[in-house]
Amino acid sequence: MNTFWGSMRHVISGSDPVHAAWAGAILIALIMLAVLHHIWREDAKKLTRWRLLCLLPLLICGAHAFFYMPHTAALDYISNFMMMLIPAALVLILIILAKRKIGYRIAAVLTGLVSVVCLTYFIVAAPNFWNESRKSYTDSFKALAQRMDRNYILKEWKEADFSALEAKYLPMVQEAEQEQNPVKFADAVMMFANELHDGHISVAAAIDEETIKQYRDTYTSPFDRREYGMAMVQLDSGEVIAVCTKDEVHALGIVDGTVITKWNGKPVLQAAAEDVPDHGFPVKANADRIAATQLSVIGGDTVEVTFLDQNGTEQTVTLSDLGELKSAQEAIIALIQFPKGGYETLMEQNGSYKMLDDKCGYLRLTAEDPDRYDSGILDYLKGSMPGAKEIFRQALSDMKQQGMEYLVVDLRCNMGGFDEIGCALCELLTDKDWYGQGLGIRKNGQYTCVSDHGIHGTGEFADLKVVALTNYECASAGDGTALYLSKLPNVTLAGITDPCGCNQETGGKCVLSDGLVTVYFPVGLVLDENCVPNVETKPDRISRNPVEERIPLDFDAAMRIFRDKEDYELDWAIKYLEEQ
């Protein structure tokens, strides 16, 4: 199949027809203005009338904004519809130059070219952006269910029954509306979305901690988090130990490594299974791995914790809520090796490389970002990103000259982007051709591949032994890159957890009542060689892209990760490569 035109067909299939129609109306208005100026330019009265008509594109944009711009997200609206707004604004220049022959012609040509490019691009890829913010809690929730029933790209794969989900959570939404409780409303939407177990579905609530505290007397949110001065982690053995402990619990006999046996009177693993709410993790094994950590923030103003003292005797103490959440966040950051500087630092690390010792190279890939890897939309449509390949080639060549014999590719916390960038790296590490991803369309519940984006090996670095490190925060195109690398015989995918388990294209966005909650979901279809959704878990939530080598999490590893703040997984990878 023709990769370019197939990719175009895929992009168009994900374009929202309603927004595309508004852009089409602006394009028609611009053509009409060009024709009328040519006819009326010698008639002063008609030219005055023409100037007034030049406001028509802006009026169309104004009407569109009235219907679709949430009052709480004006900047977000502008960023999504910029390509439609620019042509309407450029017409104002023509009003000023209407009587100037040369000036008007130059401005008209430039405005026409820019407008055609902007509006054509917009019509082809109109965003799936819906504003339900003027509706009540109940009506906006119903609208969300209807939108996702029509547009959620994995409805059939996930076996999603949106009518049943709507019916299940509608009573909670109605209670929230009756009580005017924004926290309960946000929770209902969150639980609705989490049941789909899709890493690309996210819920953003414009509700701060102070608001949550205001409603604690009348409503306990299952997602409410407390700080008890410690976090917990489950070891491979099944034991649960305390980590990231603070002075307040030290005084009660709990330190890093203390075995925790019960939480509020329940065996700790039972409590983790029963009391931790569904957070929507696509891979159940990943959810189970961090359930104990999530449990460590669940409780009221106090919580009873039972642990084994130094003599192996069970002791029970009462821990109080200390306020600001610290311990669990510290534990999660240590587990996933998220940089202290946050997302800014994570992006600064993207594409960085260095020698870890005389033989082991290290390449960090935190996002398949086209700007970072000198790629663009045309490369995406063609299914190949030569700019990214050249950047990777230079990095690997540089380390090879420094003596590199084996390599660690660090995909932990990879935020995604374009899968083709991951494929570009794979092409340097193999001398064979492999299937990458297929871009698809969904019609009548059926998935059809229209463009194959493959891996065409060059073999330049196929002699390298490679470990690719991943974790449950490696998502989207990062998840795809982990999959493509794992196919290569010289690459081993390793981690304490599996990758996230999602790989579709984002784009769906629905703003609910008063802008309190915004729901994001995928609308672009990515398929594998069998023409089924790439990477995505089915309702069984079993990873379709599991690590090949599970890095052990025993007591020693936990102490190195959570107490000593070492990069245990990286040390494991280096040792693994040395032994190979």
Protein backbone atom coordinates (compact mmCIF):
# COMPACT_ATOMS: atom_id res chain seq x y z
CA MET A 1 0.00 0.00 0.00
CA ASN A 2 1.10 3.60 -0.56
CA THR A 3 2.46 4.74 2.79
CA PHE A 4 1.98 8.49 2.27
CA TRP A 5 -1.60 8.45 0.98
CA GLY A 6 -2.55 5.72 3.42
CA SER A 7 -1.22 7.88 6.25
CA MET A 8 -3.22 10.82 4.92
CA ARG A 9 -6.33 8.67 4.88
CA HIS A 10 -5.63 7.70 8.49
CA VAL A 11 -5.22 11.34 9.55
CA ILE A 12 -8.40 12.44 7.77
CA SER A 13 -10.36 9.61 9.39
CA GLY A 14 -9.53 11.07 12.81
CA SER A 15 -10.52 14.62 11.86
CA ASP A 16 -13.67 15.98 13.50
CA PRO A 17 -16.16 16.73 10.67
CA VAL A 18 -18.04 19.41 12.61
CA HIS A 19 -14.97 21.58 13.21
CA ALA A 20 -13.79 20.87 9.66
CA ALA A 21 -17.13 22.21 8.38
CA TRP A 22 -16.62 25.48 10.28
CA ALA A 23 -13.18 25.84 8.70
CA GLY A 24 -14.74 25.07 5.32
CA ALA A 25 -17.19 27.93 5.87
CA ILE A 26 -14.28 30.31 6.47
CA LEU A 27 -12.55 29.07 3.31
CA ILE A 28 -15.73 29.68 1.28
CA ALA A 29 -16.03 33.17 2.77
CA LEU A 30 -12.43 33.98 1.80
CA ILE A 31 -13.01 32.84 -1.77
CA MET A 32 -16.17 34.92 -1.92
CA LEU A 33 -14.29 37.99 -0.67
CA ALA A 34 -11.58 37.54 -3.30
CA VAL A 35 -14.17 37.35 -6.09
CA LEU A 36 -16.19 40.33 -4.80
CA HIS A 37 -13.10 42.52 -4.48
CA HIS A 38 -12.24 41.82 -8.09
CA ILE A 39 -15.79 42.85 -9.13
CA TRP A 40 -16.29 45.80 -6.77
CA ARG A 41 -12.80 47.33 -6.47
CA GLU A 42 -13.65 50.31 -8.73
CA ASP A 43 -16.92 51.15 -6.92
CA ALA A 44 -16.31 53.12 -3.69
CA LYS A 45 -19.70 52.28 -2.14
CA LYS A 46 -19.42 48.60 -2.91
CA LEU A 47 -15.84 48.57 -1.65
CA THR A 48 -17.12 49.93 1.67
CA ARG A 49 -19.64 47.11 1.73
CA TRP A 50 -16.79 44.67 0.90
CA ARG A 51 -14.81 45.91 3.90
CA LEU A 52 -17.76 45.08 6.13
CA LEU A 53 -18.01 41.63 4.57
CA CYS A 54 -14.35 41.10 5.47
CA LEU A 55 -15.52 40.73 9.05
CA LEU A 56 -17.49 37.61 8.08
CA PRO A 57 -14.59 35.15 8.76
CA LEU A 58 -14.13 36.71 12.19
CA LEU A 59 -17.86 36.45 12.85
CA ILE A 60 -17.72 32.75 11.92
CA CYS A 61 -14.82 32.31 14.35
CA GLY A 62 -16.75 34.22 16.99
CA ALA A 63 -19.79 31.99 16.55
CA HIS A 64 -17.56 28.93 16.72
CA ALA A 65 -15.95 30.20 19.92
CA PHE A 66 -19.38 30.86 21.43
CA PHE A 67 -20.31 27.20 21.02
CA TYR A 68 -16.97 25.52 21.61
CA MET A 69 -14.74 27.70 23.80
CA PRO A 70 -14.97 26.83 27.51
CA HIS A 71 -14.81 29.99 29.59
CA THR A 72 -12.24 28.29 31.81
CA ALA A 73 -9.91 27.28 28.96
CA ALA A 74 -9.67 30.14 26.46
CA LEU A 75 -5.94 29.66 25.83
CA ASP A 76 -6.44 25.96 25.32
CA TYR A 77 -9.18 26.69 22.80
CA ILE A 78 -6.95 29.14 20.91
CA SER A 79 -4.07 26.64 20.72
CA ASN A 80 -6.38 23.94 19.33
CA PHE A 81 -8.04 26.20 16.75
CA MET A 82 -5.16 28.51 15.85
CA MET A 83 -5.07 27.29 12.24
CA MET A 84 -8.69 28.37 11.84
CA LEU A 85 -8.26 31.72 13.59
CA ILE A 86 -5.17 32.91 11.68
CA PRO A 87 -6.86 33.29 8.25
CA ALA A 88 -9.79 35.18 9.78
CA ALA A 89 -7.37 37.61 11.44
CA LEU A 90 -5.26 38.10 8.29
CA VAL A 91 -8.28 39.37 6.37
CA LEU A 92 -8.15 42.53 8.48
CA ILE A 93 -4.94 43.50 6.66
CA LEU A 94 -6.83 43.45 3.38
CA ILE A 95 -9.37 45.99 4.72
CA ILE A 96 -6.56 48.50 5.17
CA LEU A 97 -5.03 47.83 1.73
CA ALA A 98 -8.31 47.49 -0.19
CA LYS A 99 -7.69 50.55 -2.46
CA ARG A 100 -3.97 50.00 -3.03
CA LYS A 101 -3.46 47.98 -6.19
CA ILE A 102 0.07 46.69 -5.62
CA GLY A 103 -0.20 46.54 -1.84
CA TYR A 104 -3.51 44.71 -1.99
CA ARG A 105 -2.31 42.23 -4.58
CA ILE A 106 0.77 41.31 -2.58
CA ALA A 107 -1.20 41.08 0.67
CA ALA A 108 -4.01 39.14 -1.02
CA VAL A 109 -1.60 36.58 -2.48
CA LEU A 110 0.22 36.10 0.83
CA THR A 111 -3.03 35.97 2.80
CA GLY A 112 -4.51 33.52 0.33
CA LEU A 113 -1.52 31.19 0.47
CA VAL A 114 -1.32 31.24 4.25
CA SER A 115 -5.09 30.78 4.56
CA VAL A 116 -5.22 27.85 2.17
CA VAL A 117 -2.35 26.10 3.97
CA CYS A 118 -3.80 26.74 7.44
CA LEU A 119 -7.37 25.83 6.60
CA THR A 120 -6.45 22.78 4.52
CA TYR A 121 -4.28 21.50 7.35
CA PHE A 122 -7.05 22.20 9.84
CA ILE A 123 -9.75 20.50 7.77
CA VAL A 124 -7.56 17.42 7.31
CA ALA A 125 -6.71 17.21 11.01
CA ALA A 126 -9.50 19.08 12.81
CA PRO A 127 -9.24 18.44 16.57
CA ASN A 128 -11.75 16.29 18.42
CA PHE A 129 -12.47 19.04 20.95
CA TRP A 130 -15.90 19.25 22.57
CA ASN A 131 -17.21 21.85 24.97
CA GLU A 132 -19.89 20.60 27.37
CA SER A 133 -18.96 23.12 30.07
CA ARG A 134 -22.27 25.01 29.86
CA LYS A 135 -24.24 21.92 30.81
CA SER A 136 -25.04 20.60 34.26
CA TYR A 137 -23.06 17.81 35.89
CA THR A 138 -25.62 15.26 34.73
CA ASP A 139 -26.03 16.50 31.16
CA SER A 140 -22.31 16.97 30.57
CA PHE A 141 -21.61 13.47 31.89
CA LYS A 142 -24.23 12.00 29.56
CA ALA A 143 -22.69 13.96 26.67
CA LEU A 144 -19.25 12.56 27.56
CA ALA A 145 -20.57 8.99 27.44
CA GLN A 146 -22.17 9.65 24.06
CA ARG A 147 -19.01 11.29 22.67
CA MET A 148 -16.82 8.41 23.75
CA ASP A 149 -19.31 5.85 22.47
CA ARG A 150 -18.97 7.39 19.01
CA ASN A 151 -15.32 8.44 18.98
CA TYR A 152 -13.28 6.31 21.39
CA ILE A 153 -11.04 4.40 19.01
CA LEU A 154 -10.73 1.24 21.14
CA LYS A 155 -14.40 0.80 21.98
CA GLU A 156 -14.55 -2.66 20.39
CA TRP A 157 -11.07 -3.80 21.48
CA LYS A 158 -11.74 -2.89 25.11
CA GLU A 159 -15.31 -4.25 24.84
CA ALA A 160 -16.52 -0.95 26.29
CA ASP A 161 -20.24 -0.69 27.01
CA PHE A 162 -20.73 3.04 27.48
CA SER A 163 -24.45 2.72 28.14
CA ALA A 164 -23.71 0.39 31.05
CA LEU A 165 -20.90 2.62 32.34
CA GLU A 166 -23.14 5.68 32.13
CA ALA A 167 -25.89 3.89 34.04
CA LYS A 168 -23.42 2.70 36.66
CA TYR A 169 -22.04 6.15 37.53
CA LEU A 170 -25.00 8.40 36.68
CA PRO A 171 -26.52 8.09 40.19
CA MET A 172 -23.24 9.32 41.70
CA VAL A 173 -23.15 12.22 39.25
CA GLN A 174 -26.75 13.11 40.09
CA GLU A 175 -25.93 13.03 43.81
CA ALA A 176 -22.98 15.33 43.17
CA GLU A 177 -25.24 17.73 41.29
CA GLN A 178 -27.88 17.71 44.00
CA GLU A 179 -25.23 18.32 46.68
CA GLN A 180 -23.23 20.70 44.46
CA ASN A 181 -20.16 18.64 45.31
CA PRO A 182 -17.47 19.09 42.62
CA VAL A 183 -15.20 16.50 44.26
CA LYS A 184 -17.82 13.76 43.99
CA PHE A 185 -18.53 14.76 40.39
CA ALA A 186 -14.83 14.56 39.47
CA ASP A 187 -14.55 11.19 41.22
CA ALA A 188 -17.51 9.78 39.30
CA VAL A 189 -15.95 10.82 35.99
CA MET A 190 -12.58 9.43 37.11
CA MET A 191 -14.05 6.04 38.04
CA PHE A 192 -16.00 5.96 34.76
CA ALA A 193 -12.81 6.60 32.77
CA ASN A 194 -10.60 4.25 34.81
CA GLU A 195 -12.82 1.26 34.03
CA LEU A 196 -11.55 1.41 30.44
CA HIS A 197 -7.97 0.73 31.59
CA ASP A 198 -6.42 2.79 28.83
CA GLY A 199 -3.19 4.66 29.52
CA HIS A 200 -4.21 7.36 27.05
CA ILE A 201 -7.42 8.17 28.89
CA SER A 202 -6.82 10.82 31.51
CA VAL A 203 -9.03 13.02 33.65
CA ALA A 204 -7.91 16.49 34.69
CA ALA A 205 -9.91 18.09 37.49
CA ALA A 206 -9.70 21.80 38.31
CA ILE A 207 -10.02 21.02 42.01
CA ASP A 208 -7.29 21.80 44.52
CA GLU A 209 -6.46 20.13 47.84
CA GLU A 210 -8.24 22.84 49.83
CA THR A 211 -11.50 22.12 48.00
CA ILE A 212 -11.12 18.41 48.72
CA LYS A 213 -10.62 19.18 52.41
CA GLN A 214 -13.79 21.32 52.46
CA TYR A 215 -15.92 18.31 51.54
CA ARG A 216 -14.22 15.70 53.77
CA ASP A 217 -16.83 16.05 56.51
CA THR A 218 -19.66 15.00 54.19
CA TYR A 219 -17.88 12.98 51.51
CA THR A 220 -14.80 10.75 51.53
CA SER A 221 -13.18 10.56 48.13
CA PRO A 222 -11.66 7.17 47.25
CA PHE A 223 -8.83 9.14 45.65
CA ASP A 224 -8.18 11.30 48.73
CA ARG A 225 -4.56 10.92 49.82
CA ARG A 226 -3.03 11.32 53.28
CA GLU A 227 0.53 11.52 54.59
CA TYR A 228 1.33 9.12 57.43
CA GLY A 229 5.10 9.48 57.44
CA MET A 230 5.87 6.34 55.46
CA ALA A 231 5.24 4.55 52.19
CA MET A 232 5.03 0.83 51.55
CA VAL A 233 6.36 -1.41 48.80
CA GLN A 234 5.67 -5.05 48.05
CA LEU A 235 8.72 -7.24 47.43
CA ASP A 236 8.85 -10.17 45.04
CA SER A 237 8.53 -12.47 48.06
CA GLY A 238 5.11 -10.98 48.87
CA GLU A 239 6.36 -9.19 51.98
CA VAL A 240 5.43 -5.54 52.35
CA ILE A 241 8.00 -3.21 53.89
CA ALA A 242 8.07 0.42 54.92
CA VAL A 243 10.19 2.82 52.88
CA CYS A 244 10.78 6.57 52.75
CA THR A 245 10.00 6.73 56.48
CA LYS A 246 9.98 9.99 58.44
CA ASP A 247 10.95 10.91 62.00
CA GLU A 248 7.34 10.70 63.22
CA VAL A 249 7.18 6.94 62.51
CA HIS A 250 10.77 6.30 63.59
CA ALA A 251 9.70 7.29 67.08
CA LEU A 252 7.06 4.54 66.93
CA GLY A 253 9.50 1.83 65.85
CA ILE A 254 9.00 1.86 62.05
CA VAL A 255 12.07 2.44 59.90
CA ASP A 256 13.03 1.73 56.30
CA GLY A 257 12.75 -2.01 55.81
CA THR A 258 10.27 -2.69 58.63
CA VAL A 259 7.83 -5.43 57.61
CA ILE A 260 4.22 -4.21 57.64
CA THR A 261 1.63 -6.92 58.26
CA LYS A 262 -1.70 -5.09 58.65
CA TRP A 263 -3.28 -1.81 57.60
CA ASN A 264 -6.27 -0.68 59.63
CA GLY A 265 -6.70 -4.20 60.96
CA LYS A 266 -6.64 -5.99 57.59
CA PRO A 267 -3.75 -8.10 56.29
CA VAL A 268 -1.84 -5.57 54.22
CA LEU A 269 -2.15 -7.35 50.85
CA GLN A 270 -5.87 -7.88 51.43
CA ALA A 271 -6.25 -4.18 52.20
CA ALA A 272 -4.30 -3.30 49.05
CA ALA A 273 -6.61 -5.50 46.97
CA GLU A 274 -9.85 -4.25 48.57
CA ASP A 275 -9.25 -0.63 49.55
CA VAL A 276 -7.07 0.80 46.76
CA PRO A 277 -9.38 2.27 44.08
CA ASP A 278 -9.01 1.37 40.43
CA HIS A 279 -6.54 3.87 38.97
CA GLY A 280 -7.03 2.67 35.40
CA PHE A 281 -3.68 0.95 34.84
CA PRO A 282 -3.88 -0.99 31.55
CA VAL A 283 -1.62 -3.78 32.87
CA LYS A 284 -2.96 -5.38 36.05
CA ALA A 285 0.48 -6.66 37.06
CA ASN A 286 1.72 -3.06 37.15
CA ALA A 287 -1.25 -2.02 39.28
CA ASP A 288 -0.58 -4.90 41.66
CA ARG A 289 3.10 -3.97 41.94
CA ILE A 290 2.39 -0.50 43.32
CA ALA A 291 -0.89 -1.24 45.15
CA ALA A 292 0.88 -1.32 48.53
CA THR A 293 2.40 2.10 47.83
CA GLN A 294 -1.02 3.47 46.93
CA LEU A 295 -2.49 1.92 50.08
CA SER A 296 -0.02 3.85 52.22
CA VAL A 297 -1.95 7.10 51.56
CA ILE A 298 -5.43 5.69 52.25
CA GLY A 299 -7.17 6.28 55.57
CA GLY A 300 -8.69 8.96 57.74
CA ASP A 301 -7.15 11.40 60.17
CA THR A 302 -5.51 8.35 61.76
CA VAL A 303 -4.71 4.82 60.66
CA GLU A 304 -3.69 1.69 62.58
CA VAL A 305 -0.55 -0.02 61.32
CA THR A 306 0.72 -3.41 62.47
CA PHE A 307 4.38 -4.25 61.92
CA LEU A 308 7.11 -6.65 63.03
CA ASP A 309 9.54 -5.18 65.54
CA GLN A 310 13.22 -6.11 65.79
CA ASN A 311 12.30 -9.30 67.67
CA GLY A 312 9.79 -10.36 65.01
CA THR A 313 6.85 -9.58 67.28
CA GLU A 314 3.78 -7.83 65.90
CA GLN A 315 3.20 -4.33 67.22
CA THR A 316 0.31 -2.02 66.38
CA VAL A 317 0.60 1.76 66.38
CA THR A 318 -1.64 4.64 65.33
CA LEU A 319 -0.30 6.97 62.66
CA SER A 320 -1.72 10.47 62.21
CA ASP A 321 -2.18 12.42 59.00
CA LEU A 322 0.83 14.76 58.81
CA GLY A 323 -0.56 16.97 56.04
CA GLU A 324 1.50 17.53 52.90
CA LEU A 325 1.99 14.36 50.86
CA LYS A 326 5.66 13.38 50.72
CA SER A 327 6.48 9.74 51.47
CA ALA A 328 4.46 8.03 48.74
CA GLN A 329 5.53 10.57 46.13
CA GLU A 330 9.14 10.07 47.13
CA ALA A 331 8.70 6.30 46.83
CA ILE A 332 7.11 6.49 43.36
CA ILE A 333 9.80 8.89 42.12
CA ALA A 334 12.49 6.50 43.36
CA LEU A 335 10.78 3.45 41.83
CA ILE A 336 10.37 4.94 38.35
CA GLN A 337 13.62 6.96 38.50
CA PHE A 338 11.87 10.21 37.68
CA PRO A 339 14.39 13.09 37.73
CA LYS A 340 14.33 15.53 40.63
CA GLY A 341 14.00 18.47 38.28
CA GLY A 342 10.64 17.23 37.02
CA TYR A 343 9.41 17.19 33.44
CA GLU A 344 11.75 19.98 32.36
CA THR A 345 14.76 17.91 33.39
CA LEU A 346 13.23 14.80 31.82
CA MET A 347 12.99 16.59 28.48
CA GLU A 348 16.53 17.97 28.84
CA GLN A 349 17.75 14.38 29.19
CA ASN A 350 16.02 13.32 25.98
CA GLY A 351 18.56 12.10 23.45
CA SER A 352 21.47 12.42 25.84
CA TYR A 353 24.18 9.77 25.77
CA LYS A 354 27.41 8.92 27.58
CA MET A 355 29.77 6.10 28.42
CA LEU A 356 28.95 4.49 31.77
CA ASP A 357 32.33 2.73 31.85
CA ASP A 358 34.99 1.69 29.34
CA LYS A 359 32.62 -0.67 27.51
CA CYS A 360 29.02 0.27 28.28
CA GLY A 361 27.25 3.06 26.43
CA TYR A 362 24.05 4.75 27.60
CA LEU A 363 21.32 6.38 25.51
CA ARG A 364 18.37 8.18 27.15
CA LEU A 365 15.09 8.37 25.25
CA THR A 366 12.41 10.17 27.27
CA ALA A 367 10.10 11.13 24.39
CA GLU A 368 9.84 10.45 20.66
CA ASP A 369 9.68 14.21 20.13
CA PRO A 370 9.89 15.28 16.46
CA ASP A 371 11.34 18.68 17.36
CA ARG A 372 14.19 17.07 19.28
CA TYR A 373 14.88 14.51 16.58
CA ASP A 374 14.69 16.78 13.52
CA SER A 375 11.50 15.22 12.15
CA GLY A 376 8.10 16.49 11.11
CA ILE A 377 4.64 15.68 9.83
CA LEU A 378 5.87 14.78 6.33
CA ASP A 379 8.27 12.21 7.78
CA TYR A 380 5.37 10.80 9.79
CA LEU A 381 3.22 10.53 6.67
CA LYS A 382 6.04 8.79 4.79
CA GLY A 383 6.62 6.42 7.70
CA SER A 384 10.32 7.14 8.02
CA MET A 385 12.31 9.68 10.03
CA PRO A 386 15.83 10.02 8.56
CA GLY A 387 16.62 13.01 10.77
CA ALA A 388 16.09 10.95 13.90
CA LYS A 389 18.13 8.08 12.47
CA GLU A 390 21.06 10.41 11.80
CA ILE A 391 20.95 11.78 15.35
CA PHE A 392 20.97 8.25 16.76
CA ARG A 393 23.72 7.25 14.31
CA GLN A 394 25.95 10.08 15.50
CA ALA A 395 25.37 9.20 19.16
CA LEU A 396 26.12 5.51 18.66
CA SER A 397 29.14 6.23 16.45
CA ASP A 398 30.57 8.60 19.05
CA MET A 399 30.22 6.00 21.82
CA LYS A 400 31.57 3.27 19.53
CA GLN A 401 34.71 5.33 19.01
CA GLN A 402 35.03 5.57 22.79
CA GLY A 403 35.08 1.78 23.06
CA MET A 404 31.40 0.88 23.45
CA GLU A 405 30.79 -2.87 23.24
CA TYR A 406 27.29 -2.94 24.68
CA LEU A 407 24.52 -0.43 25.26
CA VAL A 408 21.73 0.51 27.67
CA VAL A 409 18.74 2.28 26.11
CA ASP A 410 16.81 3.97 28.91
CA LEU A 411 13.08 4.22 28.12
CA ARG A 412 11.89 4.73 31.69
CA CYS A 413 9.25 7.47 32.00
CA ASN A 414 9.15 7.84 28.22
CA MET A 415 6.24 10.18 27.43
CA GLY A 416 5.77 9.12 23.81
CA GLY A 417 5.50 11.01 20.53
CA PHE A 418 6.04 9.47 17.09
CA ASP A 419 6.66 5.70 16.93
CA GLU A 420 8.69 6.24 13.76
CA ILE A 421 11.47 7.77 15.88
CA GLY A 422 11.74 4.55 17.88
CA CYS A 423 11.75 2.62 14.60
CA ALA A 424 14.63 4.81 13.39
CA LEU A 425 16.72 3.68 16.36
CA CYS A 426 15.78 0.04 15.73
CA GLU A 427 16.94 0.30 12.11
CA LEU A 428 20.51 0.94 13.29
CA LEU A 429 20.48 -2.02 15.69
CA THR A 430 19.39 -4.73 13.23
CA ASP A 431 20.25 -5.97 9.74
CA LYS A 432 16.75 -7.31 9.08
CA ASP A 433 13.34 -5.85 8.28
CA TRP A 434 10.65 -5.89 10.98
CA TYR A 435 7.07 -4.71 11.20
CA GLY A 436 6.71 -1.46 13.10
CA GLN A 437 3.21 -0.04 13.28
CA GLY A 438 0.24 0.19 10.97
CA LEU A 439 -1.93 3.28 10.83
CA GLY A 440 -5.56 2.32 10.70
CA ILE A 441 -9.11 3.52 10.38
CA ARG A 442 -12.15 2.41 12.38
CA LYS A 443 -15.43 2.02 10.55
CA ASN A 444 -18.54 0.25 11.78
CA GLY A 445 -16.56 -1.26 14.61
CA GLN A 446 -13.99 -2.79 12.23
CA TYR A 447 -10.26 -1.97 12.15
CA THR A 448 -8.52 -1.62 8.78
CA CYS A 449 -4.82 -0.91 8.22
CA VAL A 450 -4.18 1.73 5.56
CA SER A 451 -0.45 2.47 5.99
CA ASP A 452 2.44 0.25 7.12
CA HIS A 453 5.36 1.94 8.89
CA GLY A 454 8.13 -0.62 9.04
CA ILE A 455 11.67 -1.08 10.35
CA HIS A 456 14.28 -1.46 7.61
CA GLY A 457 17.52 -2.56 9.22
CA THR A 458 20.86 -1.12 8.09
CA GLY A 459 22.94 -3.35 10.37
CA GLU A 460 25.40 -0.62 11.36
CA PHE A 461 25.23 -1.49 15.07
CA ALA A 462 23.65 -4.94 14.91
CA ASP A 463 26.68 -6.38 16.74
CA LEU A 464 25.83 -4.49 19.94
CA LYS A 465 24.27 -6.30 22.88
CA VAL A 466 21.56 -4.02 24.24
CA VAL A 467 19.38 -3.80 27.33
CA ALA A 468 16.34 -1.53 27.01
CA LEU A 469 15.08 -0.41 30.43
CA THR A 470 11.38 0.29 30.76
CA ASN A 471 8.69 0.82 33.42
CA TYR A 472 4.98 1.42 33.78
CA GLU A 473 5.47 5.12 32.99
CA CYS A 474 6.84 4.23 29.55
CA ALA A 475 3.76 4.93 27.44
CA SER A 476 2.40 5.61 23.97
CA ALA A 477 5.24 5.81 21.41
CA GLY A 478 7.61 4.88 24.25
CA ASP A 479 5.59 1.69 24.66
CA GLY A 480 5.86 1.16 20.91
CA THR A 481 9.63 1.70 20.98
CA ALA A 482 9.93 -0.84 23.80
CA LEU A 483 7.99 -3.35 21.68
CA TYR A 484 10.02 -2.76 18.52
CA LEU A 485 13.33 -3.04 20.38
CA SER A 486 12.21 -6.25 22.08
CA LYS A 487 11.74 -7.88 18.66
CA LEU A 488 15.45 -7.56 17.89
CA PRO A 489 17.49 -10.64 18.88
CA ASN A 490 20.36 -8.55 20.27
CA VAL A 491 18.07 -6.47 22.53
CA THR A 492 16.67 -7.50 25.92
CA LEU A 493 13.71 -5.54 27.35
CA ALA A 494 14.06 -5.36 31.14
CA GLY A 495 12.44 -3.66 34.11
CA ILE A 496 10.83 -4.12 37.50
CA THR A 497 7.49 -3.48 35.81
CA ASP A 498 6.14 -3.86 32.29
CA PRO A 499 5.60 -0.83 30.03
CA CYS A 500 2.30 1.04 30.40
CA GLY A 501 0.30 -0.89 27.79
CA CYS A 502 -1.01 1.85 25.47
CA ASN A 503 0.00 2.95 21.96
CA GLN A 504 -2.89 4.68 20.19
CA GLU A 505 -2.94 8.30 19.03
CA THR A 506 -4.38 10.91 21.34
CA GLY A 507 -6.65 13.79 20.34
CA GLY A 508 -10.07 13.41 21.95
CA LYS A 509 -10.90 16.08 24.50
CA CYS A 510 -14.17 16.80 26.28
CA VAL A 511 -14.60 19.68 28.78
CA LEU A 512 -17.42 19.05 31.26
CA SER A 513 -19.62 21.21 33.48
CA ASP A 514 -18.11 24.62 34.37
CA GLY A 515 -14.72 23.38 33.18
CA LEU A 516 -14.37 21.38 36.39
CA VAL A 517 -13.30 18.21 34.61
CA THR A 518 -11.63 17.56 31.25
CA VAL A 519 -11.40 14.07 29.80
CA TYR A 520 -8.78 13.11 27.22
CA PHE A 521 -8.96 9.93 25.14
CA PRO A 522 -7.42 8.41 21.98
CA VAL A 523 -9.06 8.84 18.57
CA GLY A 524 -6.27 7.68 16.21
CA LEU A 525 -5.85 3.97 15.46
CA VAL A 526 -2.44 2.22 15.55
CA LEU A 527 -2.35 -1.45 14.56
CA ASP A 528 0.16 -4.29 14.59
CA GLU A 529 1.02 -6.77 11.83
CA ASN A 530 -2.11 -8.78 12.69
CA CYS A 531 -4.32 -5.69 12.16
CA VAL A 532 -5.31 -5.45 15.82
CA PRO A 533 -4.51 -2.51 18.15
CA ASN A 534 -0.78 -2.27 18.78
CA VAL A 535 0.37 -2.96 22.37
CA GLU A 536 -3.03 -2.21 23.94
CA THR A 537 -4.24 -4.60 26.62
CA LYS A 538 -7.55 -6.40 26.21
CA PRO A 539 -10.11 -6.54 29.04
CA ASP A 540 -7.99 -9.27 30.69
CA ARG A 541 -5.35 -6.54 31.31
CA ILE A 542 -2.48 -8.92 30.54
CA SER A 543 0.51 -7.12 29.06
CA ARG A 544 1.06 -7.70 25.35
CA ASN A 545 4.51 -6.15 25.65
CA PRO A 546 5.99 -7.70 28.83
CA VAL A 547 9.62 -7.33 29.82
CA GLU A 548 11.82 -10.25 28.82
CA GLU A 549 13.90 -9.99 31.98
CA ARG A 550 12.12 -9.09 35.21
CA ILE A 551 14.53 -7.13 37.41
CA PRO A 552 14.15 -8.53 40.93
CA LEU A 553 12.80 -6.38 43.73
CA ASP A 554 14.06 -8.04 46.89
CA PHE A 555 14.94 -6.48 50.24
CA ASP A 556 18.43 -5.42 49.14
CA ALA A 557 17.10 -3.89 45.93
CA ALA A 558 14.41 -1.99 47.85
CA MET A 559 16.95 -0.52 50.24
CA ARG A 560 19.15 0.60 47.37
CA ILE A 561 16.22 2.14 45.51
CA PHE A 562 14.18 3.76 48.29
CA ARG A 563 16.68 4.36 51.09
CA ASP A 564 19.96 4.96 49.28
CA LYS A 565 18.32 6.49 46.15
CA GLU A 566 20.54 4.46 43.82
CA ASP A 567 19.68 3.60 40.22
CA TYR A 568 19.47 -0.11 40.92
CA GLU A 569 17.91 -0.99 37.56
CA LEU A 570 20.73 0.67 35.64
CA ASP A 571 23.34 -1.15 37.74
CA TRP A 572 21.47 -4.41 37.07
CA ALA A 573 21.50 -3.71 33.30
CA ILE A 574 25.25 -3.08 33.25
CA LYS A 575 25.93 -6.29 35.18
CA TYR A 576 23.59 -8.25 32.91
CA LEU A 577 25.43 -7.05 29.80
CA GLU A 578 28.82 -7.80 31.33
CA GLU A 579 27.73 -11.36 32.09
CA GLN A 580 26.42 -11.84 28.55
